[in-house]
Amino acid sequence: MNGKTIRLYLVNGSPTVILTAEIINWSGKIIVAPRAQLAELANREEDRRTGVYCLVGPDPESSLRDAVYFGEGDKILTRLTAHGKDESKDFWSRCAVVISKDQNITKSHGRFLECRLISLAN
């Protein structure tokens, strides 16, 4: 098995707020943020790119597990903002966004990744 280096960047110096993760020699980037920091997340240029995201929070039907919602979008920030106002998705407390550092994820890639994540979760 080949080892990998993961670079974590704590944007505000704390692991409980916005953080980014990158694997060296991988064109992807992950941004994780609490729902309460959507406004700060909106200041990041990466969230205007095409990608996939997941919303995570306590499952309203079972205290033993988390609920997860996967989605994709041309402009991730637009989707996250809409979900932040959507009462049917009120469960989530954190989000994770996966984008390409070189902007090579297309709408088709995003849809494929969303479907793949959903199938892996089931």
Protein backbone atom coordinates (compact mmCIF):
# COMPACT_ATOMS: atom_id res chain seq x y z
CA MET A 1 0.00 0.00 0.00
CA ASN A 2 1.34 3.42 -0.94
CA GLY A 3 1.29 6.09 1.71
CA LYS A 4 -0.27 9.49 1.09
CA THR A 5 0.21 12.86 2.67
CA ILE A 6 -2.89 14.86 3.59
CA ARG A 7 -2.43 18.57 4.11
CA LEU A 8 -4.98 20.14 6.48
CA TYR A 9 -5.34 23.89 6.73
CA LEU A 10 -7.32 25.29 9.66
CA VAL A 11 -8.55 28.54 8.13
CA ASN A 12 -9.21 30.28 11.47
CA GLY A 13 -6.72 28.21 13.45
CA SER A 14 -9.37 25.91 14.93
CA PRO A 15 -10.50 22.46 13.74
CA THR A 16 -14.13 23.24 14.64
CA VAL A 17 -14.54 25.94 11.98
CA ILE A 18 -13.65 26.03 8.27
CA LEU A 19 -10.84 23.71 7.20
CA THR A 20 -9.43 22.58 3.89
CA ALA A 21 -7.84 19.24 3.03
CA GLU A 22 -5.66 18.31 0.09
CA ILE A 23 -3.81 15.15 -0.88
CA ILE A 24 -0.43 15.90 -2.39
CA ASN A 25 -0.41 15.19 -6.17
CA TRP A 26 -4.23 15.08 -6.34
CA SER A 27 -6.20 17.75 -8.18
CA GLY A 28 -9.07 17.73 -5.69
CA LYS A 29 -9.69 19.84 -2.63
CA ILE A 30 -12.12 19.36 0.25
CA ILE A 31 -13.56 22.19 2.30
CA VAL A 32 -15.40 21.40 5.55
CA ALA A 33 -17.43 23.99 7.43
CA PRO A 34 -20.10 24.25 10.08
CA ARG A 35 -23.50 25.45 8.91
CA ALA A 36 -23.18 28.46 11.19
CA GLN A 37 -20.27 29.66 9.06
CA LEU A 38 -21.96 29.73 5.64
CA ALA A 39 -21.35 33.49 5.45
CA GLU A 40 -17.60 32.97 5.96
CA LEU A 41 -17.65 30.11 3.48
CA ALA A 42 -19.23 32.49 0.94
CA ASN A 43 -16.02 34.54 1.02
CA ARG A 44 -14.05 31.65 -0.46
CA GLU A 45 -13.59 31.63 -4.24
CA GLU A 46 -13.57 27.81 -4.41
CA ASP A 47 -17.26 27.57 -3.50
CA ARG A 48 -18.22 29.15 -6.79
CA ARG A 49 -16.93 26.10 -8.68
CA THR A 50 -18.63 22.92 -9.86
CA GLY A 51 -18.38 20.04 -7.43
CA VAL A 52 -20.15 17.75 -5.01
CA TYR A 53 -21.08 18.29 -1.38
CA CYS A 54 -22.53 16.50 1.59
CA LEU A 55 -24.61 17.84 4.42
CA VAL A 56 -24.21 16.03 7.74
CA GLY A 57 -26.08 16.30 11.00
CA PRO A 58 -28.04 14.36 13.60
CA ASP A 59 -30.63 12.04 12.11
CA PRO A 60 -34.04 13.29 13.29
CA GLU A 61 -35.35 9.70 13.19
CA SER A 62 -32.52 8.02 15.14
CA SER A 63 -30.13 9.38 17.74
CA LEU A 64 -27.75 6.50 16.96
CA ARG A 65 -26.68 7.81 13.56
CA ASP A 66 -26.11 10.89 11.47
CA ALA A 67 -28.19 11.88 8.47
CA VAL A 68 -26.26 12.63 5.27
CA TYR A 69 -27.44 14.35 2.10
CA PHE A 70 -25.32 14.32 -1.07
CA GLY A 71 -25.67 16.87 -3.85
CA GLU A 72 -23.87 18.49 -6.75
CA GLY A 73 -23.92 21.86 -8.42
CA ASP A 74 -22.26 24.19 -10.88
CA LYS A 75 -21.86 26.74 -8.11
CA ILE A 76 -21.67 24.89 -4.81
CA LEU A 77 -22.23 28.04 -2.75
CA THR A 78 -25.62 28.61 -4.42
CA ARG A 79 -26.74 25.10 -3.46
CA LEU A 80 -25.45 25.38 0.12
CA THR A 81 -27.17 28.73 0.60
CA ALA A 82 -30.46 27.26 -0.67
CA HIS A 83 -30.12 24.25 1.66
CA GLY A 84 -29.37 26.60 4.56
CA LYS A 85 -32.84 28.13 4.08
CA ASP A 86 -34.68 24.88 3.24
CA GLU A 87 -36.72 23.66 6.22
CA SER A 88 -36.80 20.12 4.82
CA LYS A 89 -33.01 20.01 5.19
CA ASP A 90 -32.87 21.60 8.62
CA PHE A 91 -30.99 18.62 10.11
CA TRP A 92 -27.47 19.47 8.95
CA SER A 93 -24.82 21.11 11.08
CA ARG A 94 -21.72 20.62 8.86
CA CYS A 95 -21.00 20.44 5.16
CA ALA A 96 -18.14 19.08 3.11
CA VAL A 97 -17.45 20.32 -0.41
CA VAL A 98 -15.29 18.49 -2.98
CA ILE A 99 -13.99 20.58 -5.86
CA SER A 100 -11.13 20.46 -8.33
CA LYS A 101 -8.16 22.77 -7.73
CA ASP A 102 -7.72 23.11 -11.49
CA GLN A 103 -11.48 23.54 -12.18
CA ASN A 104 -11.66 20.35 -14.24
CA ILE A 105 -14.84 18.96 -12.66
CA THR A 106 -17.73 19.42 -15.09
CA LYS A 107 -21.47 19.12 -14.45
CA SER A 108 -21.31 15.52 -15.76
CA HIS A 109 -18.45 14.70 -13.37
CA GLY A 110 -20.43 16.21 -10.50
CA ARG A 111 -23.51 14.14 -11.31
CA PHE A 112 -21.45 10.97 -11.57
CA LEU A 113 -19.71 11.65 -8.25
CA GLU A 114 -23.02 12.43 -6.54
CA CYS A 115 -24.53 9.13 -7.76
CA ARG A 116 -21.40 7.24 -6.72
CA LEU A 117 -21.43 8.74 -3.21
CA ILE A 118 -25.12 7.89 -2.81
CA SER A 119 -24.54 4.28 -3.91
CA LEU A 120 -21.56 3.92 -1.54
CA ALA A 121 -23.63 5.28 1.37
CA ASN A 122 -26.47 2.84 0.76
